[in-house]
Each structure stands twice: as structure tokens, then as C-alpha cells.
Amino acid sequence: MNSRKKSPGSAKDRRLSEAPDDASTARRSSVAKVSHTLSVALAERLEEFAFFQRISESAVIEHSLLSFFKQSDDDGVLGDMLRRDGAGRRRKM
């Protein structure tokens, strides 16, 4: 059994010091993990589609969002479009 105590945060410090600082690596890993709620029916449709098309669910969502945002650079226009189609604030479950 190792009785040597580690200083708090030492593992984190090592990870930070070993982290690559090369710009190309930063570009390759520039993704964000996000979590949002979907209706059960939509989530099931997404899962089934992605599975049978052999595409990740994330790729489907990212493509859909890119297509949506390409419709206009004006956030007000996009917001109006969504509200016209019945979108609104959703409460967390």
C-alpha cells in the first residue's frame, strides 16, 4: 500500500501540463458536449434513423442545426419562424 499523500489537484496539474498546445490539435478537438430534451417520439425517430443510416445522432443534430441557421443571419427572423411553428420555452423535466 502506498502511504505517500498526493497534493490536492496534482493529477489535474499534470493533465494540464501535458495538454497539447498545438493549434491544429485544438481545432480537431473543438467540440462541445451538450444535452437537451426531446419528445420521446422525436428521440426514438432520431435513434432509429441514425442507426439504420449508420450515422451518429450527433451528426444528424449538427447537420439539422446548421441547415436551420443557414436560413437567416437574423436571430429575430429565426425566432419568429420557430414561434410560428409552435416552438416555445420548455420546462426541464
PDB file of N, CA and C in Angstrom:
ATOM      1  N   MET A   1       0.839  -1.192   0.000  1.00  0.00           N
ATOM      2  CA  MET A   1       0.000   0.000   0.000  1.00  0.00           C
ATOM      3  C   MET A   1       0.878   1.247   0.000  1.00  0.00           C
ATOM      4  N   ASN A   2       0.548   2.192  -0.819  1.00  0.00           N
ATOM      5  CA  ASN A   2       1.332   3.401  -0.935  1.00  0.00           C
ATOM      6  C   ASN A   2       0.841   4.412   0.092  1.00  0.00           C
ATOM      7  N   SER A   3       1.722   4.828   1.011  1.00  0.00           N
ATOM      8  CA  SER A   3       1.309   5.757   2.055  1.00  0.00           C
ATOM      9  C   SER A   3       1.627   7.198   1.687  1.00  0.00           C
ATOM     10  N   ARG A   4       2.230   7.398   0.522  1.00  0.00           N
ATOM     11  CA  ARG A   4       2.584   8.744   0.092  1.00  0.00           C
ATOM     12  C   ARG A   4       1.325   9.529  -0.260  1.00  0.00           C
ATOM     13  N   LYS A   5       1.171  10.705   0.300  1.00  0.00           N
ATOM     14  CA  LYS A   5      -0.005  11.531   0.023  1.00  0.00           C
ATOM     15  C   LYS A   5       0.250  12.378  -1.208  1.00  0.00           C
ATOM     16  N   LYS A   6      -0.766  12.519  -1.990  1.00  0.00           N
ATOM     17  CA  LYS A   6      -0.687  13.394  -3.163  1.00  0.00           C
ATOM     18  C   LYS A   6      -1.264  14.746  -2.781  1.00  0.00           C
ATOM     19  N   SER A   7      -0.661  15.779  -3.321  1.00  0.00           N
ATOM     20  CA  SER A   7      -1.195  17.106  -3.048  1.00  0.00           C
ATOM     21  C   SER A   7      -2.500  17.270  -3.817  1.00  0.00           C
ATOM     22  N   PRO A   8      -3.449  18.019  -3.259  1.00  0.00           N
ATOM     23  CA  PRO A   8      -4.729  18.213  -3.947  1.00  0.00           C
ATOM     24  C   PRO A   8      -4.522  18.839  -5.326  1.00  0.00           C
ATOM     25  N   GLY A   9      -5.200  18.303  -6.299  1.00  0.00           N
ATOM     26  CA  GLY A   9      -5.132  18.859  -7.639  1.00  0.00           C
ATOM     27  C   GLY A   9      -3.900  18.461  -8.428  1.00  0.00           C
ATOM     28  N   SER A  10      -3.043  17.611  -7.881  1.00  0.00           N
ATOM     29  CA  SER A  10      -1.802  17.285  -8.585  1.00  0.00           C
ATOM     30  C   SER A  10      -2.062  16.545  -9.894  1.00  0.00           C
ATOM     31  N   ALA A  11      -3.048  15.657  -9.922  1.00  0.00           N
ATOM     32  CA  ALA A  11      -3.371  14.944 -11.161  1.00  0.00           C
ATOM     33  C   ALA A  11      -3.869  15.933 -12.211  1.00  0.00           C
ATOM     34  N   LYS A  12      -4.678  16.869 -11.791  1.00  0.00           N
ATOM     35  CA  LYS A  12      -5.183  17.888 -12.717  1.00  0.00           C
ATOM     36  C   LYS A  12      -4.024  18.723 -13.250  1.00  0.00           C
ATOM     37  N   ASP A  13      -3.116  19.103 -12.371  1.00  0.00           N
ATOM     38  CA  ASP A  13      -1.959  19.892 -12.799  1.00  0.00           C
ATOM     39  C   ASP A  13      -1.141  19.141 -13.839  1.00  0.00           C
ATOM     40  N   ARG A  14      -0.953  17.826 -13.633  1.00  0.00           N
ATOM     41  CA  ARG A  14      -0.201  17.019 -14.609  1.00  0.00           C
ATOM     42  C   ARG A  14      -0.917  16.984 -15.947  1.00  0.00           C
ATOM     43  N   ARG A  15      -2.246  16.795 -15.916  1.00  0.00           N
ATOM     44  CA  ARG A  15      -3.009  16.760 -17.172  1.00  0.00           C
ATOM     45  C   ARG A  15      -2.886  18.076 -17.917  1.00  0.00           C
ATOM     46  N   LEU A  16      -2.951  19.191 -17.182  1.00  0.00           N
ATOM     47  CA  LEU A  16      -2.844  20.494 -17.827  1.00  0.00           C
ATOM     48  C   LEU A  16      -1.452  20.717 -18.406  1.00  0.00           C
ATOM     49  N   SER A  17      -0.442  20.289 -17.683  1.00  0.00           N
ATOM     50  CA  SER A  17       0.914  20.499 -18.187  1.00  0.00           C
ATOM     51  C   SER A  17       1.226  19.585 -19.362  1.00  0.00           C
ATOM     52  N   GLU A  18       0.537  18.431 -19.451  1.00  0.00           N
ATOM     53  CA  GLU A  18       0.755  17.506 -20.553  1.00  0.00           C
ATOM     54  C   GLU A  18      -0.167  17.791 -21.731  1.00  0.00           C
ATOM     55  N   ALA A  19      -1.106  18.710 -21.561  1.00  0.00           N
ATOM     56  CA  ALA A  19      -2.061  19.006 -22.622  1.00  0.00           C
ATOM     57  C   ALA A  19      -1.353  19.625 -23.815  1.00  0.00           C
ATOM     58  N   PRO A  20      -1.686  19.174 -25.029  1.00  0.00           N
ATOM     59  CA  PRO A  20      -1.042  19.742 -26.213  1.00  0.00           C
ATOM     60  C   PRO A  20      -1.451  21.190 -26.401  1.00  0.00           C
ATOM     61  N   ASP A  21      -0.495  22.020 -26.789  1.00  0.00           N
ATOM     62  CA  ASP A  21      -0.810  23.425 -27.012  1.00  0.00           C
ATOM     63  C   ASP A  21      -0.769  23.777 -28.492  1.00  0.00           C
ATOM     64  N   ASP A  22      -0.682  22.792 -29.325  1.00  0.00           N
ATOM     65  CA  ASP A  22      -0.609  22.977 -30.763  1.00  0.00           C
ATOM     66  C   ASP A  22      -1.983  23.368 -31.310  1.00  0.00           C
ATOM     67  N   ALA A  23      -2.048  24.398 -32.148  1.00  0.00           N
ATOM     68  CA  ALA A  23      -3.318  24.949 -32.649  1.00  0.00           C
ATOM     69  C   ALA A  23      -4.120  23.937 -33.462  1.00  0.00           C
ATOM     70  N   SER A  24      -3.444  23.091 -34.225  1.00  0.00           N
ATOM     71  CA  SER A  24      -4.192  22.122 -35.032  1.00  0.00           C
ATOM     72  C   SER A  24      -4.900  21.106 -34.146  1.00  0.00           C
ATOM     73  N   THR A  25      -4.296  20.744 -33.040  1.00  0.00           N
ATOM     74  CA  THR A  25      -4.943  19.819 -32.105  1.00  0.00           C
ATOM     75  C   THR A  25      -6.164  20.494 -31.492  1.00  0.00           C
ATOM     76  N   ALA A  26      -6.045  21.759 -31.186  1.00  0.00           N
ATOM     77  CA  ALA A  26      -7.178  22.489 -30.611  1.00  0.00           C
ATOM     78  C   ALA A  26      -8.337  22.526 -31.603  1.00  0.00           C
ATOM     79  N   ARG A  27      -8.041  22.733 -32.882  1.00  0.00           N
ATOM     80  CA  ARG A  27      -9.115  22.765 -33.883  1.00  0.00           C
ATOM     81  C   ARG A  27      -9.787  21.407 -33.992  1.00  0.00           C
ATOM     82  N   ARG A  28      -9.000  20.337 -33.985  1.00  0.00           N
ATOM     83  CA  ARG A  28      -9.580  19.000 -34.117  1.00  0.00           C
ATOM     84  C   ARG A  28     -10.458  18.642 -32.940  1.00  0.00           C
ATOM     85  N   SER A  29     -10.156  19.166 -31.764  1.00  0.00           N
ATOM     86  CA  SER A  29     -10.922  18.786 -30.584  1.00  0.00           C
ATOM     87  C   SER A  29     -11.896  19.883 -30.162  1.00  0.00           C
ATOM     88  N   SER A  30     -12.241  20.773 -31.078  1.00  0.00           N
ATOM     89  CA  SER A  30     -13.121  21.875 -30.714  1.00  0.00           C
ATOM     90  C   SER A  30     -14.592  21.477 -30.852  1.00  0.00           C
ATOM     91  N   VAL A  31     -15.018  20.609 -29.977  1.00  0.00           N
ATOM     92  CA  VAL A  31     -16.416  20.190 -29.907  1.00  0.00           C
ATOM     93  C   VAL A  31     -16.903  20.434 -28.489  1.00  0.00           C
ATOM     94  N   ALA A  32     -18.196  20.606 -28.360  1.00  0.00           N
ATOM     95  CA  ALA A  32     -18.801  20.801 -27.047  1.00  0.00           C
ATOM     96  C   ALA A  32     -19.841  19.725 -26.834  1.00  0.00           C
ATOM     97  N   LYS A  33     -19.863  19.174 -25.653  1.00  0.00           N
ATOM     98  CA  LYS A  33     -20.886  18.189 -25.318  1.00  0.00           C
ATOM     99  C   LYS A  33     -22.071  18.958 -24.741  1.00  0.00           C
ATOM    100  N   VAL A  34     -23.237  18.760 -25.354  1.00  0.00           N
ATOM    101  CA  VAL A  34     -24.443  19.446 -24.898  1.00  0.00           C
ATOM    102  C   VAL A  34     -25.539  18.420 -24.646  1.00  0.00           C
ATOM    103  N   SER A  35     -26.497  18.815 -23.864  1.00  0.00           N
ATOM    104  CA  SER A  35     -27.602  17.918 -23.554  1.00  0.00           C
ATOM    105  C   SER A  35     -28.903  18.711 -23.605  1.00  0.00           C
ATOM    106  N   HIS A  36     -29.864  18.227 -24.371  1.00  0.00           N
ATOM    107  CA  HIS A  36     -31.156  18.884 -24.492  1.00  0.00           C
ATOM    108  C   HIS A  36     -32.252  17.827 -24.436  1.00  0.00           C
ATOM    109  N   THR A  37     -33.447  18.266 -24.107  1.00  0.00           N
ATOM    110  CA  THR A  37     -34.560  17.319 -24.049  1.00  0.00           C
ATOM    111  C   THR A  37     -35.301  17.295 -25.380  1.00  0.00           C
ATOM    112  N   LEU A  38     -35.776  16.126 -25.746  1.00  0.00           N
ATOM    113  CA  LEU A  38     -36.586  15.932 -26.951  1.00  0.00           C
ATOM    114  C   LEU A  38     -37.826  15.154 -26.554  1.00  0.00           C
ATOM    115  N   SER A  39     -38.864  15.267 -27.350  1.00  0.00           N
ATOM    116  CA  SER A  39     -40.032  14.430 -27.098  1.00  0.00           C
ATOM    117  C   SER A  39     -39.599  12.976 -27.304  1.00  0.00           C
ATOM    118  N   VAL A  40     -40.288  12.068 -26.665  1.00  0.00           N
ATOM    119  CA  VAL A  40     -39.954  10.650 -26.790  1.00  0.00           C
ATOM    120  C   VAL A  40     -40.040  10.210 -28.247  1.00  0.00           C
ATOM    121  N   ALA A  41     -41.092  10.641 -28.938  1.00  0.00           N
ATOM    122  CA  ALA A  41     -41.273  10.240 -30.336  1.00  0.00           C
ATOM    123  C   ALA A  41     -40.123  10.733 -31.213  1.00  0.00           C
ATOM    124  N   LEU A  42     -39.694  11.982 -31.015  1.00  0.00           N
ATOM    125  CA  LEU A  42     -38.598  12.530 -31.813  1.00  0.00           C
ATOM    126  C   LEU A  42     -37.280  11.838 -31.484  1.00  0.00           C
ATOM    127  N   ALA A  43     -37.046  11.568 -30.209  1.00  0.00           N
ATOM    128  CA  ALA A  43     -35.819  10.881 -29.808  1.00  0.00           C
ATOM    129  C   ALA A  43     -35.766   9.474 -30.401  1.00  0.00           C
ATOM    130  N   GLU A  44     -36.895   8.785 -30.396  1.00  0.00           N
ATOM    131  CA  GLU A  44     -36.941   7.438 -30.983  1.00  0.00           C
ATOM    132  C   GLU A  44     -36.718   7.483 -32.488  1.00  0.00           C
ATOM    133  N   ARG A  45     -37.301   8.485 -33.148  1.00  0.00           N
ATOM    134  CA  ARG A  45     -37.124   8.641 -34.600  1.00  0.00           C
ATOM    135  C   ARG A  45     -35.662   8.926 -34.927  1.00  0.00           C
ATOM    136  N   LEU A  46     -35.039   9.805 -34.152  1.00  0.00           N
ATOM    137  CA  LEU A  46     -33.623  10.130 -34.345  1.00  0.00           C
ATOM    138  C   LEU A  46     -32.759   8.894 -34.161  1.00  0.00           C
ATOM    139  N   GLU A  47     -33.003   8.155 -33.092  1.00  0.00           N
ATOM    140  CA  GLU A  47     -32.215   6.958 -32.806  1.00  0.00           C
ATOM    141  C   GLU A  47     -32.349   5.923 -33.930  1.00  0.00           C
ATOM    142  N   GLU A  48     -33.577   5.685 -34.365  1.00  0.00           N
ATOM    143  CA  GLU A  48     -33.811   4.699 -35.419  1.00  0.00           C
ATOM    144  C   GLU A  48     -33.166   5.141 -36.739  1.00  0.00           C
ATOM    145  N   PHE A  49     -33.373   6.405 -37.103  1.00  0.00           N
ATOM    146  CA  PHE A  49     -32.794   6.922 -38.337  1.00  0.00           C
ATOM    147  C   PHE A  49     -31.273   6.796 -38.322  1.00  0.00           C
ATOM    148  N   ALA A  50     -30.661   7.272 -37.255  1.00  0.00           N
ATOM    149  CA  ALA A  50     -29.198   7.242 -37.157  1.00  0.00           C
ATOM    150  C   ALA A  50     -28.672   5.805 -37.215  1.00  0.00           C
ATOM    151  N   PHE A  51     -29.352   4.899 -36.539  1.00  0.00           N
ATOM    152  CA  PHE A  51     -28.915   3.501 -36.523  1.00  0.00           C
ATOM    153  C   PHE A  51     -28.944   2.900 -37.928  1.00  0.00           C
ATOM    154  N   PHE A  52     -30.073   3.015 -38.603  1.00  0.00           N
ATOM    155  CA  PHE A  52     -30.210   2.370 -39.908  1.00  0.00           C
ATOM    156  C   PHE A  52     -29.420   3.078 -41.010  1.00  0.00           C
ATOM    157  N   GLN A  53     -29.155   4.351 -40.847  1.00  0.00           N
ATOM    158  CA  GLN A  53     -28.357   5.077 -41.830  1.00  0.00           C
ATOM    159  C   GLN A  53     -26.860   5.038 -41.493  1.00  0.00           C
ATOM    160  N   ARG A  54     -26.540   4.450 -40.350  1.00  0.00           N
ATOM    161  CA  ARG A  54     -25.154   4.339 -39.897  1.00  0.00           C
ATOM    162  C   ARG A  54     -24.481   5.716 -39.819  1.00  0.00           C
ATOM    163  N   ILE A  55     -25.208   6.632 -39.186  1.00  0.00           N
ATOM    164  CA  ILE A  55     -24.762   7.997 -38.960  1.00  0.00           C
ATOM    165  C   ILE A  55     -24.974   8.273 -37.474  1.00  0.00           C
ATOM    166  N   SER A  56     -24.091   9.014 -36.870  1.00  0.00           N
ATOM    167  CA  SER A  56     -24.276   9.292 -35.444  1.00  0.00           C
ATOM    168  C   SER A  56     -25.451  10.242 -35.228  1.00  0.00           C
ATOM    169  N   GLU A  57     -26.087  10.102 -34.084  1.00  0.00           N
ATOM    170  CA  GLU A  57     -27.168  11.014 -33.730  1.00  0.00           C
ATOM    171  C   GLU A  57     -26.643  12.444 -33.679  1.00  0.00           C
ATOM    172  N   SER A  58     -25.433  12.610 -33.188  1.00  0.00           N
ATOM    173  CA  SER A  58     -24.833  13.950 -33.121  1.00  0.00           C
ATOM    174  C   SER A  58     -24.678  14.559 -34.502  1.00  0.00           C
ATOM    175  N   ALA A  59     -24.299  13.750 -35.486  1.00  0.00           N
ATOM    176  CA  ALA A  59     -24.140  14.261 -36.852  1.00  0.00           C
ATOM    177  C   ALA A  59     -25.482  14.717 -37.418  1.00  0.00           C
ATOM    178  N   VAL A  60     -26.543  13.974 -37.138  1.00  0.00           N
ATOM    179  CA  VAL A  60     -27.877  14.351 -37.612  1.00  0.00           C
ATOM    180  C   VAL A  60     -28.285  15.684 -36.981  1.00  0.00           C
ATOM    181  N   ILE A  61     -28.084  15.810 -35.686  1.00  0.00           N
ATOM    182  CA  ILE A  61     -28.458  17.031 -34.971  1.00  0.00           C
ATOM    183  C   ILE A  61     -27.626  18.212 -35.461  1.00  0.00           C
ATOM    184  N   GLU A  62     -26.319  18.016 -35.605  1.00  0.00           N
ATOM    185  CA  GLU A  62     -25.449  19.104 -36.062  1.00  0.00           C
ATOM    186  C   GLU A  62     -25.841  19.554 -37.473  1.00  0.00           C
ATOM    187  N   HIS A  63     -26.085  18.614 -38.369  1.00  0.00           N
ATOM    188  CA  HIS A  63     -26.496  18.956 -39.727  1.00  0.00           C
ATOM    189  C   HIS A  63     -27.821  19.726 -39.718  1.00  0.00           C
ATOM    190  N   SER A  64     -28.754  19.261 -38.904  1.00  0.00           N
ATOM    191  CA  SER A  64     -30.053  19.928 -38.817  1.00  0.00           C
ATOM    192  C   SER A  64     -29.917  21.359 -38.312  1.00  0.00           C
ATOM    193  N   LEU A  65     -29.096  21.557 -37.301  1.00  0.00           N
ATOM    194  CA  LEU A  65     -28.902  22.908 -36.769  1.00  0.00           C
ATOM    195  C   LEU A  65     -28.198  23.812 -37.775  1.00  0.00           C
ATOM    196  N   LEU A  66     -27.197  23.280 -38.464  1.00  0.00           N
ATOM    197  CA  LEU A  66     -26.518  24.080 -39.487  1.00  0.00           C
ATOM    198  C   LEU A  66     -27.490  24.497 -40.584  1.00  0.00           C
ATOM    199  N   SER A  67     -28.347  23.568 -41.008  1.00  0.00           N
ATOM    200  CA  SER A  67     -29.347  23.882 -42.028  1.00  0.00           C
ATOM    201  C   SER A  67     -30.322  24.949 -41.532  1.00  0.00           C
ATOM    202  N   PHE A  68     -30.719  24.842 -40.276  1.00  0.00           N
ATOM    203  CA  PHE A  68     -31.636  25.818 -39.692  1.00  0.00           C
ATOM    204  C   PHE A  68     -30.995  27.203 -39.677  1.00  0.00           C
ATOM    205  N   PHE A  69     -29.765  27.307 -39.172  1.00  0.00           N
ATOM    206  CA  PHE A  69     -29.114  28.607 -39.050  1.00  0.00           C
ATOM    207  C   PHE A  69     -28.730  29.207 -40.401  1.00  0.00           C
ATOM    208  N   LYS A  70     -28.610  28.398 -41.442  1.00  0.00           N
ATOM    209  CA  LYS A  70     -28.317  28.921 -42.779  1.00  0.00           C
ATOM    210  C   LYS A  70     -29.498  29.680 -43.376  1.00  0.00           C
ATOM    211  N   GLN A  71     -30.685  29.491 -42.819  1.00  0.00           N
ATOM    212  CA  GLN A  71     -31.879  30.143 -43.352  1.00  0.00           C
ATOM    213  C   GLN A  71     -31.847  31.653 -43.169  1.00  0.00           C
ATOM    214  N   SER A  72     -31.156  32.129 -42.137  1.00  0.00           N
ATOM    215  CA  SER A  72     -31.088  33.571 -41.898  1.00  0.00           C
ATOM    216  C   SER A  72     -29.989  33.884 -40.898  1.00  0.00           C
ATOM    217  N   ASP A  73     -29.380  35.056 -41.073  1.00  0.00           N
ATOM    218  CA  ASP A  73     -28.410  35.552 -40.094  1.00  0.00           C
ATOM    219  C   ASP A  73     -29.109  36.367 -39.011  1.00  0.00           C
ATOM    220  N   ASP A  74     -30.386  36.598 -39.193  1.00  0.00           N
ATOM    221  CA  ASP A  74     -31.164  37.414 -38.265  1.00  0.00           C
ATOM    222  C   ASP A  74     -31.848  36.501 -37.246  1.00  0.00           C
ATOM    223  N   ASP A  75     -31.381  36.572 -35.997  1.00  0.00           N
ATOM    224  CA  ASP A  75     -31.949  35.724 -34.942  1.00  0.00           C
ATOM    225  C   ASP A  75     -33.433  35.997 -34.726  1.00  0.00           C
ATOM    226  N   GLY A  76     -33.857  37.234 -34.925  1.00  0.00           N
ATOM    227  CA  GLY A  76     -35.269  37.569 -34.769  1.00  0.00           C
ATOM    228  C   GLY A  76     -36.128  36.823 -35.778  1.00  0.00           C
ATOM    229  N   VAL A  77     -35.647  36.755 -37.012  1.00  0.00           N
ATOM    230  CA  VAL A  77     -36.377  36.026 -38.063  1.00  0.00           C
ATOM    231  C   VAL A  77     -36.468  34.551 -37.707  1.00  0.00           C
ATOM    232  N   LEU A  78     -35.354  33.981 -37.259  1.00  0.00           N
ATOM    233  CA  LEU A  78     -35.350  32.560 -36.888  1.00  0.00           C
ATOM    234  C   LEU A  78     -36.272  32.303 -35.702  1.00  0.00           C
ATOM    235  N   GLY A  79     -36.231  33.192 -34.715  1.00  0.00           N
ATOM    236  CA  GLY A  79     -37.109  33.051 -33.559  1.00  0.00           C
ATOM    237  C   GLY A  79     -38.575  33.122 -33.953  1.00  0.00           C
ATOM    238  N   ASP A  80     -38.898  34.069 -34.834  1.00  0.00           N
ATOM    239  CA  ASP A  80     -40.276  34.190 -35.318  1.00  0.00           C
ATOM    240  C   ASP A  80     -40.714  32.920 -36.047  1.00  0.00           C
ATOM    241  N   MET A  81     -39.825  32.371 -36.873  1.00  0.00           N
ATOM    242  CA  MET A  81     -40.140  31.129 -37.599  1.00  0.00           C
ATOM    243  C   MET A  81     -40.474  30.015 -36.616  1.00  0.00           C
ATOM    244  N   LEU A  82     -39.657  29.878 -35.595  1.00  0.00           N
ATOM    245  CA  LEU A  82     -39.886  28.813 -34.616  1.00  0.00           C
ATOM    246  C   LEU A  82     -41.198  29.019 -33.865  1.00  0.00           C
ATOM    247  N   ARG A  83     -41.424  30.253 -33.411  1.00  0.00           N
ATOM    248  CA  ARG A  83     -42.665  30.517 -32.668  1.00  0.00           C
ATOM    249  C   ARG A  83     -43.895  30.302 -33.548  1.00  0.00           C
ATOM    250  N   ARG A  84     -43.813  30.676 -34.828  1.00  0.00           N
ATOM    251  CA  ARG A  84     -44.929  30.454 -35.762  1.00  0.00           C
ATOM    252  C   ARG A  84     -45.251  28.963 -35.882  1.00  0.00           C
ATOM    253  N   ASP A  85     -44.206  28.130 -35.768  1.00  0.00           N
ATOM    254  CA  ASP A  85     -44.391  26.675 -35.852  1.00  0.00           C
ATOM    255  C   ASP A  85     -44.685  26.039 -34.501  1.00  0.00           C
ATOM    256  N   GLY A  86     -44.896  26.874 -33.479  1.00  0.00           N
ATOM    257  CA  GLY A  86     -45.315  26.348 -32.180  1.00  0.00           C
ATOM    258  C   GLY A  86     -44.217  26.125 -31.169  1.00  0.00           C
ATOM    259  N   ALA A  87     -42.999  26.519 -31.490  1.00  0.00           N
ATOM    260  CA  ALA A  87     -41.902  26.337 -30.526  1.00  0.00           C
ATOM    261  C   ALA A  87     -41.985  27.406 -29.446  1.00  0.00           C
ATOM    262  N   GLY A  88     -41.560  27.051 -28.287  1.00  0.00           N
ATOM    263  CA  GLY A  88     -41.536  27.994 -27.166  1.00  0.00           C
ATOM    264  C   GLY A  88     -40.595  27.483 -26.108  1.00  0.00           C
ATOM    265  N   ARG A  89     -40.600  28.129 -24.995  1.00  0.00           N
ATOM    266  CA  ARG A  89     -39.754  27.670 -23.879  1.00  0.00           C
ATOM    267  C   ARG A  89     -40.286  26.340 -23.365  1.00  0.00           C
ATOM    268  N   ARG A  90     -39.363  25.499 -22.997  1.00  0.00           N
ATOM    269  CA  ARG A  90     -39.763  24.195 -22.455  1.00  0.00           C
ATOM    270  C   ARG A  90     -39.218  24.080 -21.042  1.00  0.00           C
ATOM    271  N   ARG A  91     -40.046  23.585 -20.161  1.00  0.00           N
ATOM    272  CA  ARG A  91     -39.593  23.376 -18.786  1.00  0.00           C
ATOM    273  C   ARG A  91     -38.753  22.122 -18.696  1.00  0.00           C
ATOM    274  N   LYS A  92     -37.770  22.169 -17.792  1.00  0.00           N
ATOM    275  CA  LYS A  92     -36.976  20.960 -17.525  1.00  0.00           C
ATOM    276  C   LYS A  92     -37.860  19.949 -16.829  1.00  0.00           C
ATOM    277  N   MET A  93     -37.601  18.694 -17.136  1.00  0.00           N
ATOM    278  CA  MET A  93     -38.399  17.634 -16.527  1.00  0.00           C
ATOM    279  C   MET A  93     -37.807  17.210 -15.225  1.00  0.00           C
TER     280      MET A  93
END
